[in-house]
Amino acid sequence: MTARNRIAQQRADWQAREERRRRLIIGGWILAALAFVGVLAFLVWQETQPEVRPGVEIPIQGQNHIQLGEPHDPYNSEPPTSGPHYDSPVQAGFYDEAPLDEYLVHNMEHGHVILWYNCTSMTPEACDQLKADLRAVMGSAGLSAITGTLKLVAVPRPTLDKPIVLTSWGHMQELDAFDRNAILTFIRAYRDEAPEPGAA
């Protein structure tokens, strides 16, 4: 091969390499642009999706105060999620004996979440474990962002169809078994979401 041919071949090789490099750069920019457009489209899609909230919404039955022992219309959910109630709530915490519904409805009016539990079909050991799990999840749920108080009440309810039912003002979720993540999600969604969230 002559010197002239070698130079021409080197030039051709160099041009081919430059062409490949140019195509790689352009391809990289195209891929980056497509990825950016894809991420942007996903974010726009995500923002336009309706918020999925746990449990079901229960129609509000009012929030009037009644005197101790005063009769009232039956609650529209079991357990209750709103309606007539006594003029004082119970203290937040874990209960082995249930306070009257009318006190607990007042708690929900203040933004409390009630964790109702049913041990009737469980062995004593299983019931003790459920209670321990509920205490633990209550302890890890933090405090109300508004009042800095617990705003969680756990109470037994032997008439439940499920072992655990979560309620807040106008919302309910039934659980077939203890589910820490589901309970914390419900608490995050609905604690303080009530007519009087500023009350402890």
N, C-alpha and C. Protein backbone atom coordinates (compact mmCIF):
# COMPACT_ATOMS: atom_id res chain seq x y z
N MET A 1 0.85 -1.18 0.00
CA MET A 1 0.00 0.00 0.00
C MET A 1 0.89 1.24 0.00
N THR A 2 0.54 2.13 -0.85
CA THR A 2 1.35 3.35 -0.95
C THR A 2 1.05 4.27 0.20
N ALA A 3 1.94 5.25 0.38
CA ALA A 3 1.76 6.23 1.46
C ALA A 3 0.45 6.98 1.28
N ARG A 4 0.15 7.31 0.00
CA ARG A 4 -1.10 8.03 -0.26
C ARG A 4 -2.31 7.18 0.13
N ASN A 5 -2.25 5.89 -0.20
CA ASN A 5 -3.37 4.99 0.14
C ASN A 5 -3.50 4.83 1.66
N ARG A 6 -2.32 4.75 2.33
CA ARG A 6 -2.37 4.62 3.79
C ARG A 6 -3.02 5.85 4.42
N ILE A 7 -2.66 7.01 3.95
CA ILE A 7 -3.23 8.26 4.48
C ILE A 7 -4.73 8.29 4.21
N ALA A 8 -5.13 7.89 3.03
CA ALA A 8 -6.56 7.87 2.68
C ALA A 8 -7.30 6.88 3.56
N GLN A 9 -6.67 5.72 3.83
CA GLN A 9 -7.31 4.70 4.68
C GLN A 9 -7.43 5.21 6.12
N GLN A 10 -6.38 5.86 6.61
CA GLN A 10 -6.42 6.41 7.97
C GLN A 10 -7.50 7.47 8.09
N ARG A 11 -7.57 8.31 7.03
CA ARG A 11 -8.60 9.35 7.04
C ARG A 11 -10.00 8.72 7.04
N ALA A 12 -10.18 7.68 6.23
CA ALA A 12 -11.47 7.00 6.18
C ALA A 12 -11.80 6.34 7.52
N ASP A 13 -10.80 5.72 8.16
CA ASP A 13 -11.01 5.10 9.47
C ASP A 13 -11.39 6.16 10.51
N TRP A 14 -10.66 7.28 10.47
CA TRP A 14 -10.94 8.35 11.41
C TRP A 14 -12.35 8.89 11.22
N GLN A 15 -12.75 9.09 9.94
CA GLN A 15 -14.10 9.59 9.66
C GLN A 15 -15.16 8.61 10.12
N ALA A 16 -14.89 7.32 9.94
CA ALA A 16 -15.84 6.30 10.38
C ALA A 16 -15.98 6.32 11.91
N ARG A 17 -14.81 6.46 12.61
CA ARG A 17 -14.86 6.52 14.07
C ARG A 17 -15.63 7.76 14.54
N GLU A 18 -15.36 8.88 13.89
CA GLU A 18 -16.05 10.12 14.26
C GLU A 18 -17.54 10.00 14.01
N GLU A 19 -17.91 9.34 12.92
CA GLU A 19 -19.33 9.16 12.59
C GLU A 19 -19.99 8.28 13.65
N ARG A 20 -19.31 7.19 14.08
CA ARG A 20 -19.85 6.33 15.12
C ARG A 20 -20.00 7.10 16.44
N ARG A 21 -18.97 7.90 16.77
CA ARG A 21 -19.02 8.68 18.00
C ARG A 21 -20.16 9.70 17.96
N ARG A 22 -20.32 10.33 16.80
CA ARG A 22 -21.42 11.30 16.66
C ARG A 22 -22.77 10.63 16.83
N ARG A 23 -22.92 9.43 16.23
CA ARG A 23 -24.18 8.71 16.35
C ARG A 23 -24.45 8.29 17.80
N LEU A 24 -23.38 7.88 18.51
CA LEU A 24 -23.54 7.49 19.92
C LEU A 24 -23.96 8.69 20.77
N ILE A 25 -23.34 9.84 20.49
CA ILE A 25 -23.70 11.05 21.25
C ILE A 25 -25.15 11.43 20.99
N ILE A 26 -25.53 11.42 19.71
CA ILE A 26 -26.92 11.78 19.36
C ILE A 26 -27.88 10.77 19.97
N GLY A 27 -27.53 9.48 19.88
CA GLY A 27 -28.39 8.44 20.48
C GLY A 27 -28.53 8.63 21.98
N GLY A 28 -27.43 8.98 22.65
CA GLY A 28 -27.48 9.22 24.10
C GLY A 28 -28.40 10.37 24.45
N TRP A 29 -28.29 11.45 23.66
CA TRP A 29 -29.17 12.60 23.91
C TRP A 29 -30.63 12.24 23.67
N ILE A 30 -30.89 11.46 22.65
CA ILE A 30 -32.27 11.05 22.36
C ILE A 30 -32.81 10.19 23.51
N LEU A 31 -31.99 9.23 23.99
CA LEU A 31 -32.43 8.39 25.11
C LEU A 31 -32.67 9.22 26.36
N ALA A 32 -31.78 10.18 26.63
CA ALA A 32 -31.96 11.04 27.80
C ALA A 32 -33.24 11.86 27.69
N ALA A 33 -33.50 12.39 26.48
CA ALA A 33 -34.72 13.17 26.27
C ALA A 33 -35.97 12.30 26.45
N LEU A 34 -35.92 11.07 25.91
CA LEU A 34 -37.06 10.16 26.07
C LEU A 34 -37.28 9.81 27.54
N ALA A 35 -36.19 9.57 28.27
CA ALA A 35 -36.32 9.25 29.69
C ALA A 35 -36.92 10.43 30.46
N PHE A 36 -36.47 11.65 30.13
CA PHE A 36 -37.00 12.85 30.78
C PHE A 36 -38.49 13.00 30.51
N VAL A 37 -38.88 12.82 29.24
CA VAL A 37 -40.29 12.94 28.87
C VAL A 37 -41.10 11.85 29.58
N GLY A 38 -40.54 10.63 29.68
CA GLY A 38 -41.24 9.54 30.36
C GLY A 38 -41.46 9.84 31.84
N VAL A 39 -40.42 10.34 32.51
CA VAL A 39 -40.55 10.68 33.94
C VAL A 39 -41.57 11.79 34.12
N LEU A 40 -41.50 12.80 33.26
CA LEU A 40 -42.44 13.91 33.34
C LEU A 40 -43.87 13.43 33.13
N ALA A 41 -44.08 12.56 32.15
CA ALA A 41 -45.42 12.03 31.89
C ALA A 41 -45.93 11.23 33.08
N PHE A 42 -45.03 10.44 33.70
CA PHE A 42 -45.44 9.65 34.86
C PHE A 42 -45.85 10.55 36.02
N LEU A 43 -45.08 11.62 36.26
CA LEU A 43 -45.41 12.53 37.36
C LEU A 43 -46.74 13.23 37.11
N VAL A 44 -46.98 13.64 35.87
CA VAL A 44 -48.26 14.28 35.54
C VAL A 44 -49.40 13.29 35.73
N TRP A 45 -49.20 12.04 35.27
CA TRP A 45 -50.22 11.01 35.43
C TRP A 45 -50.51 10.75 36.91
N GLN A 46 -49.44 10.68 37.71
CA GLN A 46 -49.59 10.39 39.14
C GLN A 46 -50.38 11.50 39.82
N GLU A 47 -50.12 12.74 39.45
CA GLU A 47 -50.82 13.87 40.06
C GLU A 47 -52.30 13.90 39.70
N THR A 48 -52.65 13.36 38.56
CA THR A 48 -54.05 13.41 38.12
C THR A 48 -54.86 12.23 38.62
N GLN A 49 -54.21 11.23 39.25
CA GLN A 49 -54.93 10.08 39.75
C GLN A 49 -55.66 10.43 41.05
N PRO A 50 -56.88 9.91 41.24
CA PRO A 50 -57.57 10.19 42.50
C PRO A 50 -56.82 9.54 43.66
N GLU A 51 -56.85 10.20 44.81
CA GLU A 51 -56.16 9.68 45.99
C GLU A 51 -56.89 8.43 46.48
N VAL A 52 -56.16 7.36 46.68
CA VAL A 52 -56.74 6.13 47.20
C VAL A 52 -56.61 6.16 48.72
N ARG A 53 -57.74 6.14 49.40
CA ARG A 53 -57.73 6.21 50.85
C ARG A 53 -58.20 4.89 51.41
N PRO A 54 -57.67 4.51 52.56
CA PRO A 54 -58.03 3.20 53.12
C PRO A 54 -59.47 3.17 53.63
N GLY A 55 -60.03 1.96 53.66
CA GLY A 55 -61.35 1.76 54.23
C GLY A 55 -62.47 2.31 53.39
N VAL A 56 -63.62 2.48 54.02
CA VAL A 56 -64.81 3.00 53.35
C VAL A 56 -65.29 4.24 54.09
N GLU A 57 -65.97 5.09 53.35
CA GLU A 57 -66.53 6.31 53.93
C GLU A 57 -67.94 6.01 54.41
N ILE A 58 -68.27 6.46 55.59
CA ILE A 58 -69.59 6.26 56.19
C ILE A 58 -70.27 7.62 56.29
N PRO A 59 -71.54 7.73 55.85
CA PRO A 59 -72.23 9.03 55.96
C PRO A 59 -72.24 9.54 57.40
N ILE A 60 -71.97 10.82 57.55
CA ILE A 60 -71.96 11.44 58.87
C ILE A 60 -73.39 11.53 59.40
N GLN A 61 -73.55 11.11 60.65
CA GLN A 61 -74.87 11.01 61.27
C GLN A 61 -75.15 12.18 62.21
N GLY A 62 -74.33 13.17 62.16
CA GLY A 62 -74.49 14.30 63.08
C GLY A 62 -73.46 14.23 64.19
N GLN A 63 -73.47 15.26 65.04
CA GLN A 63 -72.50 15.32 66.12
C GLN A 63 -73.07 16.00 67.36
N ASN A 64 -74.37 15.80 67.57
CA ASN A 64 -74.99 16.48 68.71
C ASN A 64 -74.67 15.78 70.03
N HIS A 65 -74.54 16.58 71.08
CA HIS A 65 -74.29 16.05 72.42
C HIS A 65 -75.61 15.62 73.05
N ILE A 66 -75.55 14.53 73.80
CA ILE A 66 -76.72 14.04 74.53
C ILE A 66 -76.31 13.82 75.99
N GLN A 67 -77.31 13.72 76.85
CA GLN A 67 -77.07 13.47 78.26
C GLN A 67 -76.78 11.99 78.48
N LEU A 68 -76.08 11.68 79.54
CA LEU A 68 -75.75 10.30 79.89
C LEU A 68 -77.04 9.47 79.98
N GLY A 69 -77.09 8.40 79.20
CA GLY A 69 -78.25 7.51 79.21
C GLY A 69 -79.39 7.95 78.33
N GLU A 70 -79.31 9.12 77.72
CA GLU A 70 -80.39 9.61 76.86
C GLU A 70 -80.50 8.75 75.61
N PRO A 71 -81.72 8.31 75.27
CA PRO A 71 -81.87 7.49 74.06
C PRO A 71 -81.59 8.31 72.80
N HIS A 72 -81.17 7.61 71.75
CA HIS A 72 -80.91 8.28 70.47
C HIS A 72 -81.11 7.28 69.35
N ASP A 73 -81.19 7.77 68.11
CA ASP A 73 -81.33 6.89 66.96
C ASP A 73 -80.14 5.93 66.89
N PRO A 74 -80.35 4.73 66.37
CA PRO A 74 -79.23 3.79 66.25
C PRO A 74 -78.13 4.38 65.36
N TYR A 75 -76.90 3.99 65.66
CA TYR A 75 -75.80 4.43 64.81
C TYR A 75 -75.91 3.77 63.44
N ASN A 76 -75.43 4.45 62.41
CA ASN A 76 -75.55 3.94 61.04
C ASN A 76 -74.39 3.06 60.62
N SER A 77 -73.52 2.71 61.56
CA SER A 77 -72.45 1.75 61.26
C SER A 77 -72.14 0.97 62.52
N GLU A 78 -71.53 -0.17 62.35
CA GLU A 78 -71.15 -1.04 63.48
C GLU A 78 -69.69 -1.41 63.33
N PRO A 79 -68.81 -0.86 64.16
CA PRO A 79 -69.05 0.10 65.23
C PRO A 79 -69.37 1.50 64.69
N PRO A 80 -69.78 2.41 65.57
CA PRO A 80 -70.15 3.76 65.10
C PRO A 80 -68.95 4.56 64.59
N THR A 81 -69.26 5.52 63.73
CA THR A 81 -68.22 6.40 63.19
C THR A 81 -68.61 7.88 63.30
N SER A 82 -69.80 8.16 63.77
CA SER A 82 -70.26 9.53 64.00
C SER A 82 -71.61 9.42 64.69
N GLY A 83 -72.21 10.55 65.00
CA GLY A 83 -73.55 10.54 65.58
C GLY A 83 -73.61 11.12 66.98
N PRO A 84 -74.77 10.94 67.65
CA PRO A 84 -74.95 11.49 68.99
C PRO A 84 -73.93 10.93 69.97
N HIS A 85 -73.48 11.77 70.89
CA HIS A 85 -72.46 11.30 71.84
C HIS A 85 -72.49 12.14 73.10
N TYR A 86 -71.86 11.58 74.14
CA TYR A 86 -71.78 12.28 75.42
C TYR A 86 -70.80 13.44 75.31
N ASP A 87 -70.89 14.35 76.29
CA ASP A 87 -70.12 15.59 76.15
C ASP A 87 -68.67 15.47 76.61
N SER A 88 -68.21 14.27 76.91
CA SER A 88 -66.79 14.10 77.25
C SER A 88 -66.25 12.83 76.61
N PRO A 89 -65.02 12.87 76.11
CA PRO A 89 -64.40 11.68 75.53
C PRO A 89 -63.68 10.87 76.62
N VAL A 90 -63.19 9.70 76.25
CA VAL A 90 -62.37 8.91 77.17
C VAL A 90 -60.90 9.25 76.91
N GLN A 91 -60.06 8.86 77.85
CA GLN A 91 -58.63 9.08 77.70
C GLN A 91 -58.08 8.14 76.63
N ALA A 92 -57.18 8.62 75.81
CA ALA A 92 -56.54 7.78 74.80
C ALA A 92 -55.78 6.65 75.48
N GLY A 93 -55.68 5.50 74.77
CA GLY A 93 -54.93 4.39 75.32
C GLY A 93 -55.58 3.06 75.01
N PHE A 94 -55.10 2.03 75.67
CA PHE A 94 -55.56 0.66 75.44
C PHE A 94 -56.51 0.26 76.56
N TYR A 95 -57.65 -0.34 76.17
CA TYR A 95 -58.68 -0.76 77.14
C TYR A 95 -58.94 -2.26 77.01
N ASP A 96 -59.05 -2.91 78.18
CA ASP A 96 -59.48 -4.31 78.22
C ASP A 96 -60.99 -4.42 78.38
N GLU A 97 -61.61 -3.34 78.83
CA GLU A 97 -63.07 -3.25 78.90
C GLU A 97 -63.49 -1.99 78.15
N ALA A 98 -64.52 -2.13 77.33
CA ALA A 98 -64.88 -1.04 76.42
C ALA A 98 -65.71 0.03 77.12
N PRO A 99 -65.34 1.29 76.95
CA PRO A 99 -66.23 2.39 77.36
C PRO A 99 -67.47 2.39 76.46
N LEU A 100 -68.48 3.12 76.85
CA LEU A 100 -69.69 3.22 76.04
C LEU A 100 -69.38 3.89 74.70
N ASP A 101 -70.12 3.45 73.68
CA ASP A 101 -69.93 4.01 72.33
C ASP A 101 -70.04 5.52 72.32
N GLU A 102 -70.96 6.05 73.11
CA GLU A 102 -71.21 7.49 73.09
C GLU A 102 -70.00 8.31 73.53
N TYR A 103 -69.15 7.72 74.38
CA TYR A 103 -67.90 8.39 74.73
C TYR A 103 -66.92 8.31 73.56
N LEU A 104 -66.84 7.14 72.94
CA LEU A 104 -65.87 6.92 71.88
C LEU A 104 -66.19 7.75 70.63
N VAL A 105 -67.47 7.95 70.36
CA VAL A 105 -67.84 8.81 69.23
C VAL A 105 -67.32 10.23 69.47
N HIS A 106 -67.35 10.68 70.73
CA HIS A 106 -66.79 12.00 71.03
C HIS A 106 -65.29 12.02 70.75
N ASN A 107 -64.60 10.91 71.08
CA ASN A 107 -63.17 10.83 70.74
C ASN A 107 -62.96 11.03 69.24
N MET A 108 -63.78 10.34 68.44
CA MET A 108 -63.62 10.46 66.98
C MET A 108 -63.93 11.87 66.50
N GLU A 109 -64.85 12.55 67.17
CA GLU A 109 -65.14 13.94 66.81
C GLU A 109 -63.90 14.82 67.02
N HIS A 110 -63.03 14.42 67.93
CA HIS A 110 -61.78 15.15 68.19
C HIS A 110 -60.63 14.68 67.29
N GLY A 111 -60.90 13.71 66.42
CA GLY A 111 -59.86 13.25 65.50
C GLY A 111 -59.14 12.00 65.94
N HIS A 112 -59.71 11.28 66.92
CA HIS A 112 -59.11 10.03 67.36
C HIS A 112 -59.41 8.91 66.36
N VAL A 113 -58.54 7.92 66.33
CA VAL A 113 -58.78 6.66 65.62
C VAL A 113 -59.02 5.60 66.68
N ILE A 114 -60.09 4.82 66.48
CA ILE A 114 -60.43 3.75 67.41
C ILE A 114 -60.05 2.41 66.78
N LEU A 115 -59.33 1.60 67.53
CA LEU A 115 -58.95 0.25 67.10
C LEU A 115 -59.80 -0.73 67.90
N TRP A 116 -60.85 -1.25 67.28
CA TRP A 116 -61.76 -2.19 67.93
C TRP A 116 -61.22 -3.60 67.69
N TYR A 117 -61.19 -4.44 68.71
CA TYR A 117 -60.67 -5.79 68.53
C TYR A 117 -61.63 -6.82 69.13
N ASN A 118 -61.64 -8.01 68.56
CA ASN A 118 -62.54 -9.08 68.97
C ASN A 118 -61.74 -10.36 69.17
N CYS A 119 -61.67 -10.83 70.39
CA CYS A 119 -60.91 -12.04 70.71
C CYS A 119 -61.80 -13.27 70.91
N THR A 120 -63.09 -13.16 70.67
CA THR A 120 -64.01 -14.23 71.07
C THR A 120 -63.71 -15.58 70.40
N SER A 121 -63.17 -15.57 69.18
CA SER A 121 -62.89 -16.83 68.50
C SER A 121 -61.42 -17.23 68.60
N MET A 122 -60.67 -16.58 69.48
CA MET A 122 -59.24 -16.84 69.60
C MET A 122 -58.92 -17.61 70.87
N THR A 123 -57.79 -18.27 70.86
CA THR A 123 -57.27 -18.86 72.08
C THR A 123 -56.77 -17.73 72.98
N PRO A 124 -56.64 -17.98 74.28
CA PRO A 124 -56.09 -16.93 75.15
C PRO A 124 -54.73 -16.44 74.69
N GLU A 125 -53.90 -17.36 74.19
CA GLU A 125 -52.57 -16.96 73.72
C GLU A 125 -52.66 -16.06 72.51
N ALA A 126 -53.56 -16.41 71.56
CA ALA A 126 -53.73 -15.59 70.36
C ALA A 126 -54.28 -14.21 70.71
N CYS A 127 -55.19 -14.18 71.68
CA CYS A 127 -55.75 -12.89 72.11
C CYS A 127 -54.66 -12.03 72.75
N ASP A 128 -53.85 -12.64 73.60
CA ASP A 128 -52.75 -11.89 74.22
C ASP A 128 -51.80 -11.34 73.17
N GLN A 129 -51.54 -12.14 72.13
CA GLN A 129 -50.65 -11.68 71.06
C GLN A 129 -51.26 -10.51 70.30
N LEU A 130 -52.58 -10.62 70.01
CA LEU A 130 -53.25 -9.52 69.30
C LEU A 130 -53.18 -8.24 70.13
N LYS A 131 -53.44 -8.34 71.41
CA LYS A 131 -53.38 -7.16 72.27
C LYS A 131 -51.96 -6.56 72.28
N ALA A 132 -50.97 -7.44 72.37
CA ALA A 132 -49.58 -6.95 72.36
C ALA A 132 -49.26 -6.28 71.04
N ASP A 133 -49.73 -6.85 69.94
CA ASP A 133 -49.48 -6.24 68.62
C ASP A 133 -50.16 -4.88 68.51
N LEU A 134 -51.38 -4.78 69.02
CA LEU A 134 -52.09 -3.49 68.96
C LEU A 134 -51.39 -2.44 69.82
N ARG A 135 -50.96 -2.84 71.00
CA ARG A 135 -50.22 -1.89 71.85
C ARG A 135 -48.95 -1.42 71.14
N ALA A 136 -48.26 -2.37 70.50
CA ALA A 136 -47.00 -2.02 69.83
C ALA A 136 -47.24 -1.06 68.67
N VAL A 137 -48.28 -1.32 67.87
CA VAL A 137 -48.53 -0.43 66.73
C VAL A 137 -48.98 0.95 67.20
N MET A 138 -49.72 0.99 68.30
CA MET A 138 -50.11 2.29 68.86
C MET A 138 -48.87 3.05 69.33
N GLY A 139 -47.93 2.32 69.90
CA GLY A 139 -46.72 2.96 70.38
C GLY A 139 -45.82 3.48 69.27
N SER A 140 -45.94 2.88 68.08
CA SER A 140 -45.09 3.30 66.97
C SER A 140 -45.77 4.30 66.04
N ALA A 141 -47.04 4.63 66.32
CA ALA A 141 -47.80 5.51 65.42
C ALA A 141 -47.51 6.99 65.62
N GLY A 142 -46.74 7.33 66.63
CA GLY A 142 -46.44 8.73 66.86
C GLY A 142 -47.62 9.46 67.49
N LEU A 143 -47.55 10.79 67.45
CA LEU A 143 -48.57 11.62 68.07
C LEU A 143 -49.27 12.48 67.03
N SER A 144 -50.40 13.02 67.41
CA SER A 144 -51.14 13.93 66.56
C SER A 144 -50.27 15.12 66.17
N ALA A 145 -50.29 15.46 64.90
CA ALA A 145 -49.51 16.60 64.42
C ALA A 145 -50.11 17.92 64.92
N ILE A 146 -51.37 17.89 65.34
CA ILE A 146 -52.04 19.12 65.76
C ILE A 146 -51.91 19.34 67.26
N THR A 147 -52.18 18.29 68.05
CA THR A 147 -52.21 18.46 69.50
C THR A 147 -51.00 17.88 70.21
N GLY A 148 -50.22 17.04 69.52
CA GLY A 148 -49.09 16.39 70.17
C GLY A 148 -49.50 15.32 71.17
N THR A 149 -50.75 14.86 71.06
CA THR A 149 -51.25 13.80 71.93
C THR A 149 -51.49 12.54 71.11
N LEU A 150 -51.75 11.42 71.78
CA LEU A 150 -51.83 10.13 71.11
C LEU A 150 -53.01 10.02 70.14
N LYS A 151 -54.18 10.36 70.60
CA LYS A 151 -55.41 10.28 69.80
C LYS A 151 -55.65 8.89 69.21
N LEU A 152 -55.34 7.86 69.97
CA LEU A 152 -55.62 6.48 69.59
C LEU A 152 -56.25 5.78 70.78
N VAL A 153 -57.31 5.00 70.51
CA VAL A 153 -57.97 4.23 71.55
C VAL A 153 -58.19 2.82 71.01
N ALA A 154 -57.81 1.81 71.80
CA ALA A 154 -58.07 0.42 71.44
C ALA A 154 -59.06 -0.14 72.45
N VAL A 155 -60.14 -0.74 71.94
CA VAL A 155 -61.19 -1.26 72.84
C VAL A 155 -61.71 -2.60 72.32
N PRO A 156 -62.09 -3.50 73.24
CA PRO A 156 -62.67 -4.77 72.80
C PRO A 156 -64.10 -4.57 72.29
N ARG A 157 -64.49 -5.41 71.31
CA ARG A 157 -65.88 -5.40 70.83
C ARG A 157 -66.21 -6.81 70.35
N PRO A 158 -66.81 -7.61 71.23
CA PRO A 158 -67.04 -9.02 70.90
C PRO A 158 -68.08 -9.26 69.81
N THR A 159 -68.82 -8.22 69.40
CA THR A 159 -69.84 -8.39 68.36
C THR A 159 -69.31 -8.21 66.94
N LEU A 160 -68.02 -7.91 66.80
CA LEU A 160 -67.46 -7.68 65.47
C LEU A 160 -67.46 -8.96 64.64
N ASP A 161 -67.62 -8.80 63.33
CA ASP A 161 -67.47 -9.93 62.40
C ASP A 161 -66.00 -10.22 62.09
N LYS A 162 -65.15 -9.25 62.32
CA LYS A 162 -63.72 -9.36 62.03
C LYS A 162 -62.93 -9.21 63.33
N PRO A 163 -61.69 -9.67 63.36
CA PRO A 163 -60.91 -9.52 64.59
C PRO A 163 -60.51 -8.07 64.89
N ILE A 164 -60.41 -7.24 63.84
CA ILE A 164 -60.04 -5.83 64.03
C ILE A 164 -60.87 -4.96 63.09
N VAL A 165 -61.39 -3.88 63.63
CA VAL A 165 -62.04 -2.85 62.82
C VAL A 165 -61.47 -1.51 63.26
N LEU A 166 -61.09 -0.69 62.30
CA LEU A 166 -60.56 0.64 62.56
C LEU A 166 -61.63 1.66 62.21
N THR A 167 -61.83 2.64 63.08
CA THR A 167 -62.78 3.70 62.76
C THR A 167 -62.18 5.06 63.08
N SER A 168 -62.67 6.04 62.35
CA SER A 168 -62.40 7.44 62.63
C SER A 168 -63.68 8.16 62.26
N TRP A 169 -63.70 9.47 62.34
CA TRP A 169 -64.92 10.23 62.04
C TRP A 169 -65.30 10.02 60.57
N GLY A 170 -66.34 9.21 60.35
CA GLY A 170 -66.86 8.99 59.00
C GLY A 170 -66.11 7.97 58.17
N HIS A 171 -65.23 7.16 58.79
CA HIS A 171 -64.47 6.16 58.03
C HIS A 171 -64.34 4.87 58.82
N MET A 172 -64.26 3.76 58.07
CA MET A 172 -64.12 2.46 58.70
C MET A 172 -63.32 1.53 57.81
N GLN A 173 -62.51 0.68 58.43
CA GLN A 173 -61.79 -0.36 57.70
C GLN A 173 -61.79 -1.63 58.54
N GLU A 174 -62.22 -2.73 57.91
CA GLU A 174 -62.23 -4.04 58.57
C GLU A 174 -60.98 -4.80 58.17
N LEU A 175 -60.37 -5.51 59.13
CA LEU A 175 -59.17 -6.30 58.88
C LEU A 175 -59.42 -7.75 59.27
N ASP A 176 -59.01 -8.67 58.41
CA ASP A 176 -59.15 -10.10 58.69
C ASP A 176 -58.11 -10.61 59.68
N ALA A 177 -57.07 -9.86 59.88
CA ALA A 177 -55.99 -10.23 60.80
C ALA A 177 -55.21 -8.97 61.13
N PHE A 178 -54.36 -9.05 62.13
CA PHE A 178 -53.52 -7.92 62.47
C PHE A 178 -52.63 -7.59 61.28
N ASP A 179 -52.62 -6.32 60.89
CA ASP A 179 -51.82 -5.85 59.76
C ASP A 179 -51.24 -4.49 60.15
N ARG A 180 -50.00 -4.51 60.60
CA ARG A 180 -49.36 -3.29 61.10
C ARG A 180 -49.39 -2.16 60.07
N ASN A 181 -49.04 -2.46 58.82
CA ASN A 181 -48.98 -1.42 57.79
C ASN A 181 -50.36 -0.84 57.51
N ALA A 182 -51.38 -1.70 57.46
CA ALA A 182 -52.74 -1.21 57.21
C ALA A 182 -53.21 -0.31 58.35
N ILE A 183 -52.89 -0.68 59.58
CA ILE A 183 -53.30 0.14 60.72
C ILE A 183 -52.60 1.49 60.70
N LEU A 184 -51.30 1.49 60.45
CA LEU A 184 -50.57 2.76 60.41
C LEU A 184 -51.03 3.63 59.25
N THR A 185 -51.35 3.02 58.12
CA THR A 185 -51.86 3.78 56.97
C THR A 185 -53.19 4.45 57.32
N PHE A 186 -54.07 3.71 57.98
CA PHE A 186 -55.37 4.27 58.38
C PHE A 186 -55.16 5.43 59.36
N ILE A 187 -54.27 5.24 60.33
CA ILE A 187 -54.01 6.30 61.31
C ILE A 187 -53.46 7.55 60.62
N ARG A 188 -52.50 7.35 59.70
CA ARG A 188 -51.93 8.50 58.99
C ARG A 188 -52.98 9.22 58.15
N ALA A 189 -53.92 8.46 57.59
CA ALA A 189 -54.93 9.05 56.72
C ALA A 189 -55.98 9.84 57.50
N TYR A 190 -56.37 9.36 58.68
CA TYR A 190 -57.57 9.90 59.32
C TYR A 190 -57.40 10.50 60.71
N ARG A 191 -56.27 10.28 61.38
CA ARG A 191 -56.13 10.93 62.70
C ARG A 191 -56.12 12.45 62.47
N ASP A 192 -56.87 13.15 63.27
CA ASP A 192 -57.05 14.61 63.18
C ASP A 192 -58.02 15.05 62.09
N GLU A 193 -58.53 14.12 61.28
CA GLU A 193 -59.49 14.52 60.25
C GLU A 193 -60.89 14.39 60.84
N ALA A 194 -61.36 15.46 61.45
CA ALA A 194 -62.60 15.43 62.20
C ALA A 194 -63.08 16.85 62.43
N PRO A 195 -64.32 17.01 62.94
CA PRO A 195 -64.83 18.37 63.14
C PRO A 195 -64.03 19.19 64.16
N GLU A 196 -63.44 18.54 65.19
CA GLU A 196 -62.73 19.28 66.23
C GLU A 196 -61.32 18.75 66.41
N PRO A 197 -60.47 18.88 65.40
CA PRO A 197 -59.12 18.29 65.47
C PRO A 197 -58.21 18.96 66.49
N GLY A 198 -58.53 20.17 66.91
CA GLY A 198 -57.69 20.87 67.86
C GLY A 198 -57.90 20.44 69.30
N ALA A 199 -58.94 19.61 69.53
CA ALA A 199 -59.18 19.11 70.88
C ALA A 199 -58.39 17.82 71.09
N ALA A 200 -57.86 17.67 72.29
CA ALA A 200 -57.07 16.47 72.57
C ALA A 200 -57.97 15.27 72.73
